[in-house]
Amino acid sequence: MLTRTHRLTDSDSFRSTVRAGRRSGSRTLVLHLGTGAGTDPPRVGLVVSKAVGNSVVRNRVKRRLRHQAREHLASLPGSAVLVVRALPAAAEASSAELADDLDRCLRKVLS
């Protein structure tokens, strides 16, 4: 679970990160990496739309992504804002596939 200080919750931060941040995509995910305020810790936000599936499927995908994102907080720059958008293929993907896609996209967006 992500702690409260590491959660991205306000819509303005989501919007600005998606519009102005660096982007990387895969079959199951699209990542957007932006910068936050200078002293803020890294924050992560998830976007899992109804296109992914019903509420049970969406919540399962969110749990898996939160778990994976928590492991990558240390590799994010100081005040980074990361938005992870799940694509419909994430519904059928295993946890290992989501982890591989998240790793790959994060490496691309950080380089």
N, C-alpha and C. Protein backbone atom coordinates (compact mmCIF):
# COMPACT_ATOMS: atom_id res chain seq x y z
N MET A 1 0.84 -1.18 0.00
CA MET A 1 0.00 0.00 0.00
C MET A 1 0.89 1.24 0.00
N LEU A 2 0.50 2.23 -0.75
CA LEU A 2 1.22 3.51 -0.76
C LEU A 2 0.80 4.35 0.44
N THR A 3 1.76 4.97 1.10
CA THR A 3 1.42 5.84 2.22
C THR A 3 0.76 7.11 1.69
N ARG A 4 0.09 7.80 2.57
CA ARG A 4 -0.66 9.01 2.17
C ARG A 4 0.25 10.05 1.51
N THR A 5 1.48 10.19 1.99
CA THR A 5 2.38 11.19 1.43
C THR A 5 2.84 10.83 0.02
N HIS A 6 2.72 9.57 -0.36
CA HIS A 6 3.16 9.13 -1.69
C HIS A 6 2.01 8.96 -2.67
N ARG A 7 0.79 9.32 -2.27
CA ARG A 7 -0.36 9.20 -3.17
C ARG A 7 -0.63 10.52 -3.88
N LEU A 8 -0.93 10.41 -5.14
CA LEU A 8 -1.33 11.58 -5.94
C LEU A 8 -2.85 11.59 -5.97
N THR A 9 -3.45 12.66 -5.46
CA THR A 9 -4.91 12.66 -5.33
C THR A 9 -5.61 13.83 -6.02
N ASP A 10 -4.91 14.92 -6.26
CA ASP A 10 -5.61 16.08 -6.84
C ASP A 10 -5.60 16.04 -8.37
N SER A 11 -6.72 16.40 -8.95
CA SER A 11 -6.90 16.30 -10.40
C SER A 11 -5.97 17.24 -11.17
N ASP A 12 -5.61 18.39 -10.60
CA ASP A 12 -4.71 19.31 -11.29
C ASP A 12 -3.33 18.69 -11.51
N SER A 13 -2.84 17.96 -10.51
CA SER A 13 -1.54 17.29 -10.65
C SER A 13 -1.60 16.18 -11.68
N PHE A 14 -2.71 15.43 -11.68
CA PHE A 14 -2.89 14.40 -12.70
C PHE A 14 -2.85 15.03 -14.09
N ARG A 15 -3.64 16.07 -14.26
CA ARG A 15 -3.78 16.72 -15.57
C ARG A 15 -2.44 17.30 -16.05
N SER A 16 -1.74 18.01 -15.18
CA SER A 16 -0.48 18.62 -15.60
C SER A 16 0.59 17.57 -15.89
N THR A 17 0.61 16.47 -15.14
CA THR A 17 1.59 15.42 -15.38
C THR A 17 1.31 14.72 -16.70
N VAL A 18 0.06 14.43 -16.99
CA VAL A 18 -0.29 13.75 -18.24
C VAL A 18 -0.01 14.65 -19.44
N ARG A 19 -0.27 15.93 -19.30
CA ARG A 19 -0.08 16.84 -20.44
C ARG A 19 1.38 17.22 -20.67
N ALA A 20 2.15 17.42 -19.58
CA ALA A 20 3.49 17.96 -19.75
C ALA A 20 4.60 16.98 -19.39
N GLY A 21 4.26 15.84 -18.80
CA GLY A 21 5.28 14.91 -18.37
C GLY A 21 5.82 14.04 -19.49
N ARG A 22 6.90 13.34 -19.20
CA ARG A 22 7.47 12.38 -20.15
C ARG A 22 6.59 11.15 -20.18
N ARG A 23 6.48 10.52 -21.35
CA ARG A 23 5.53 9.43 -21.53
C ARG A 23 6.23 8.19 -22.06
N SER A 24 5.77 7.04 -21.58
CA SER A 24 6.26 5.76 -22.08
C SER A 24 5.11 4.76 -21.99
N GLY A 25 4.97 3.91 -23.01
CA GLY A 25 3.85 2.99 -23.03
C GLY A 25 4.25 1.57 -23.33
N SER A 26 3.38 0.66 -22.98
CA SER A 26 3.54 -0.76 -23.28
C SER A 26 2.16 -1.32 -23.63
N ARG A 27 2.07 -2.63 -23.70
CA ARG A 27 0.80 -3.27 -24.05
C ARG A 27 -0.24 -3.08 -22.96
N THR A 28 0.19 -3.01 -21.70
CA THR A 28 -0.75 -2.96 -20.59
C THR A 28 -0.79 -1.63 -19.86
N LEU A 29 0.25 -0.80 -20.00
CA LEU A 29 0.36 0.42 -19.22
C LEU A 29 0.85 1.60 -20.05
N VAL A 30 0.52 2.79 -19.58
CA VAL A 30 1.13 4.02 -20.06
C VAL A 30 1.57 4.79 -18.83
N LEU A 31 2.83 5.20 -18.79
CA LEU A 31 3.37 5.96 -17.67
C LEU A 31 3.63 7.39 -18.09
N HIS A 32 3.34 8.32 -17.19
CA HIS A 32 3.63 9.74 -17.37
C HIS A 32 4.43 10.18 -16.16
N LEU A 33 5.60 10.77 -16.38
CA LEU A 33 6.44 11.22 -15.28
C LEU A 33 6.63 12.73 -15.39
N GLY A 34 6.26 13.42 -14.32
CA GLY A 34 6.41 14.86 -14.27
C GLY A 34 7.15 15.26 -13.01
N THR A 35 7.28 16.56 -12.80
CA THR A 35 7.94 17.05 -11.61
C THR A 35 6.92 17.75 -10.73
N GLY A 36 7.08 17.59 -9.43
CA GLY A 36 6.20 18.25 -8.47
C GLY A 36 6.89 19.43 -7.84
N ALA A 37 6.36 19.85 -6.70
CA ALA A 37 6.97 20.94 -5.94
C ALA A 37 8.31 20.48 -5.39
N GLY A 38 9.22 21.39 -5.19
CA GLY A 38 10.59 21.08 -4.84
C GLY A 38 10.81 20.19 -3.63
N THR A 39 10.00 20.32 -2.59
CA THR A 39 10.25 19.57 -1.36
C THR A 39 9.33 18.37 -1.18
N ASP A 40 8.42 18.15 -2.09
CA ASP A 40 7.48 17.04 -1.96
C ASP A 40 8.19 15.71 -2.20
N PRO A 41 7.73 14.64 -1.53
CA PRO A 41 8.27 13.31 -1.82
C PRO A 41 7.70 12.83 -3.16
N PRO A 42 8.26 11.78 -3.74
CA PRO A 42 7.68 11.25 -4.98
C PRO A 42 6.25 10.79 -4.73
N ARG A 43 5.39 11.05 -5.70
CA ARG A 43 3.98 10.67 -5.57
C ARG A 43 3.56 9.86 -6.79
N VAL A 44 2.62 8.93 -6.56
CA VAL A 44 2.15 8.03 -7.62
C VAL A 44 0.63 8.09 -7.66
N GLY A 45 0.09 8.19 -8.87
CA GLY A 45 -1.35 8.15 -9.08
C GLY A 45 -1.70 7.10 -10.10
N LEU A 46 -2.85 6.46 -9.93
CA LEU A 46 -3.29 5.41 -10.84
C LEU A 46 -4.56 5.83 -11.55
N VAL A 47 -4.65 5.46 -12.83
CA VAL A 47 -5.85 5.68 -13.61
C VAL A 47 -6.25 4.33 -14.20
N VAL A 48 -7.39 3.81 -13.74
CA VAL A 48 -7.89 2.52 -14.24
C VAL A 48 -9.35 2.76 -14.61
N SER A 49 -9.61 2.90 -15.91
CA SER A 49 -10.95 3.26 -16.37
C SER A 49 -11.84 2.04 -16.51
N LYS A 50 -13.11 2.28 -16.79
CA LYS A 50 -14.07 1.20 -16.97
C LYS A 50 -13.78 0.35 -18.20
N ALA A 51 -12.94 0.86 -19.09
CA ALA A 51 -12.56 0.07 -20.27
C ALA A 51 -11.73 -1.15 -19.88
N VAL A 52 -11.12 -1.11 -18.70
CA VAL A 52 -10.31 -2.23 -18.22
C VAL A 52 -11.21 -3.41 -17.83
N GLY A 53 -12.35 -3.12 -17.26
CA GLY A 53 -13.26 -4.20 -16.86
C GLY A 53 -14.23 -3.72 -15.80
N ASN A 54 -14.93 -4.69 -15.21
CA ASN A 54 -15.88 -4.33 -14.16
C ASN A 54 -15.13 -3.95 -12.89
N SER A 55 -15.86 -3.63 -11.83
CA SER A 55 -15.22 -3.10 -10.63
C SER A 55 -14.27 -4.11 -9.98
N VAL A 56 -14.61 -5.37 -10.03
CA VAL A 56 -13.74 -6.39 -9.45
C VAL A 56 -12.39 -6.43 -10.18
N VAL A 57 -12.44 -6.40 -11.50
CA VAL A 57 -11.22 -6.44 -12.30
C VAL A 57 -10.41 -5.17 -12.11
N ARG A 58 -11.08 -4.02 -12.12
CA ARG A 58 -10.38 -2.74 -11.94
C ARG A 58 -9.68 -2.69 -10.58
N ASN A 59 -10.34 -3.12 -9.53
CA ASN A 59 -9.73 -3.09 -8.20
C ASN A 59 -8.56 -4.06 -8.11
N ARG A 60 -8.65 -5.21 -8.77
CA ARG A 60 -7.52 -6.15 -8.76
C ARG A 60 -6.32 -5.54 -9.47
N VAL A 61 -6.55 -4.88 -10.61
CA VAL A 61 -5.47 -4.22 -11.34
C VAL A 61 -4.87 -3.11 -10.49
N LYS A 62 -5.69 -2.33 -9.81
CA LYS A 62 -5.18 -1.25 -8.96
C LYS A 62 -4.33 -1.79 -7.81
N ARG A 63 -4.77 -2.86 -7.17
CA ARG A 63 -3.99 -3.45 -6.08
C ARG A 63 -2.62 -3.90 -6.58
N ARG A 64 -2.61 -4.56 -7.73
CA ARG A 64 -1.34 -5.04 -8.29
C ARG A 64 -0.41 -3.87 -8.63
N LEU A 65 -0.96 -2.83 -9.24
CA LEU A 65 -0.15 -1.68 -9.63
C LEU A 65 0.35 -0.91 -8.42
N ARG A 66 -0.47 -0.76 -7.38
CA ARG A 66 -0.02 -0.09 -6.16
C ARG A 66 1.15 -0.83 -5.53
N HIS A 67 1.04 -2.15 -5.51
CA HIS A 67 2.12 -2.96 -4.93
C HIS A 67 3.41 -2.77 -5.72
N GLN A 68 3.33 -2.81 -7.04
CA GLN A 68 4.51 -2.63 -7.89
C GLN A 68 5.07 -1.22 -7.77
N ALA A 69 4.20 -0.21 -7.75
CA ALA A 69 4.65 1.18 -7.68
C ALA A 69 5.36 1.46 -6.36
N ARG A 70 4.90 0.86 -5.28
CA ARG A 70 5.52 1.06 -3.97
C ARG A 70 6.99 0.62 -4.00
N GLU A 71 7.27 -0.46 -4.72
CA GLU A 71 8.64 -0.96 -4.80
C GLU A 71 9.56 -0.04 -5.59
N HIS A 72 9.00 0.84 -6.42
CA HIS A 72 9.81 1.71 -7.27
C HIS A 72 9.93 3.13 -6.74
N LEU A 73 9.36 3.42 -5.58
CA LEU A 73 9.42 4.79 -5.05
C LEU A 73 10.85 5.26 -4.84
N ALA A 74 11.72 4.38 -4.40
CA ALA A 74 13.11 4.78 -4.13
C ALA A 74 13.86 5.15 -5.40
N SER A 75 13.44 4.62 -6.55
CA SER A 75 14.15 4.92 -7.79
C SER A 75 13.65 6.20 -8.46
N LEU A 76 12.58 6.80 -7.94
CA LEU A 76 12.04 8.03 -8.52
C LEU A 76 12.82 9.23 -8.01
N PRO A 77 13.01 10.25 -8.86
CA PRO A 77 13.68 11.47 -8.40
C PRO A 77 12.90 12.13 -7.28
N GLY A 78 13.53 13.02 -6.54
CA GLY A 78 13.00 13.64 -5.34
C GLY A 78 11.55 14.04 -5.34
N SER A 79 11.13 14.91 -6.23
CA SER A 79 9.75 15.40 -6.21
C SER A 79 8.97 14.92 -7.42
N ALA A 80 9.26 13.74 -7.90
CA ALA A 80 8.63 13.21 -9.11
C ALA A 80 7.14 12.93 -8.88
N VAL A 81 6.39 13.08 -9.95
CA VAL A 81 4.97 12.72 -9.97
C VAL A 81 4.80 11.70 -11.08
N LEU A 82 4.35 10.50 -10.71
CA LEU A 82 4.20 9.41 -11.66
C LEU A 82 2.73 9.06 -11.77
N VAL A 83 2.20 9.09 -13.00
CA VAL A 83 0.83 8.67 -13.26
C VAL A 83 0.90 7.38 -14.08
N VAL A 84 0.27 6.33 -13.56
CA VAL A 84 0.23 5.03 -14.23
C VAL A 84 -1.19 4.82 -14.73
N ARG A 85 -1.33 4.72 -16.06
CA ARG A 85 -2.64 4.50 -16.66
C ARG A 85 -2.71 3.07 -17.18
N ALA A 86 -3.67 2.31 -16.69
CA ALA A 86 -3.83 0.92 -17.12
C ALA A 86 -4.65 0.87 -18.41
N LEU A 87 -4.20 0.05 -19.33
CA LEU A 87 -4.92 -0.17 -20.58
C LEU A 87 -5.77 -1.43 -20.44
N PRO A 88 -6.75 -1.65 -21.33
CA PRO A 88 -7.62 -2.82 -21.21
C PRO A 88 -6.87 -4.16 -21.13
N ALA A 89 -5.71 -4.27 -21.74
CA ALA A 89 -4.94 -5.51 -21.70
C ALA A 89 -4.45 -5.84 -20.29
N ALA A 90 -4.45 -4.86 -19.39
CA ALA A 90 -4.00 -5.09 -18.02
C ALA A 90 -4.94 -6.03 -17.27
N ALA A 91 -6.18 -6.14 -17.72
CA ALA A 91 -7.15 -7.00 -17.05
C ALA A 91 -6.73 -8.47 -17.13
N GLU A 92 -6.17 -8.89 -18.25
CA GLU A 92 -5.77 -10.29 -18.43
C GLU A 92 -4.32 -10.54 -18.05
N ALA A 93 -3.57 -9.49 -17.78
CA ALA A 93 -2.14 -9.64 -17.49
C ALA A 93 -1.92 -10.16 -16.08
N SER A 94 -0.88 -10.96 -15.92
CA SER A 94 -0.53 -11.45 -14.59
C SER A 94 0.25 -10.35 -13.85
N SER A 95 0.47 -10.57 -12.57
CA SER A 95 1.25 -9.61 -11.78
C SER A 95 2.67 -9.48 -12.32
N ALA A 96 3.23 -10.59 -12.76
CA ALA A 96 4.59 -10.57 -13.31
C ALA A 96 4.66 -9.75 -14.59
N GLU A 97 3.65 -9.89 -15.45
CA GLU A 97 3.62 -9.11 -16.70
C GLU A 97 3.48 -7.63 -16.40
N LEU A 98 2.62 -7.28 -15.44
CA LEU A 98 2.46 -5.87 -15.07
C LEU A 98 3.77 -5.32 -14.49
N ALA A 99 4.44 -6.14 -13.67
CA ALA A 99 5.72 -5.71 -13.10
C ALA A 99 6.76 -5.48 -14.18
N ASP A 100 6.84 -6.39 -15.16
CA ASP A 100 7.80 -6.24 -16.25
C ASP A 100 7.51 -4.99 -17.07
N ASP A 101 6.23 -4.76 -17.39
CA ASP A 101 5.87 -3.57 -18.16
C ASP A 101 6.16 -2.29 -17.39
N LEU A 102 5.88 -2.29 -16.09
CA LEU A 102 6.15 -1.12 -15.27
C LEU A 102 7.66 -0.86 -15.21
N ASP A 103 8.45 -1.90 -15.01
CA ASP A 103 9.91 -1.75 -14.99
C ASP A 103 10.43 -1.16 -16.30
N ARG A 104 9.99 -1.74 -17.41
CA ARG A 104 10.46 -1.32 -18.72
C ARG A 104 10.08 0.13 -19.02
N CYS A 105 8.83 0.48 -18.74
CA CYS A 105 8.37 1.85 -19.01
C CYS A 105 9.05 2.85 -18.09
N LEU A 106 9.27 2.46 -16.85
CA LEU A 106 9.92 3.37 -15.91
C LEU A 106 11.36 3.63 -16.30
N ARG A 107 12.05 2.60 -16.76
CA ARG A 107 13.42 2.80 -17.24
C ARG A 107 13.44 3.76 -18.43
N LYS A 108 12.49 3.61 -19.36
CA LYS A 108 12.44 4.49 -20.53
C LYS A 108 12.18 5.93 -20.14
N VAL A 109 11.25 6.13 -19.25
CA VAL A 109 10.84 7.49 -18.90
C VAL A 109 11.88 8.18 -18.00
N LEU A 110 12.67 7.41 -17.25
CA LEU A 110 13.71 8.01 -16.41
C LEU A 110 14.99 8.31 -17.18
N SER A 111 15.18 7.67 -18.32
CA SER A 111 16.43 7.90 -19.07
C SER A 111 16.39 9.15 -19.92
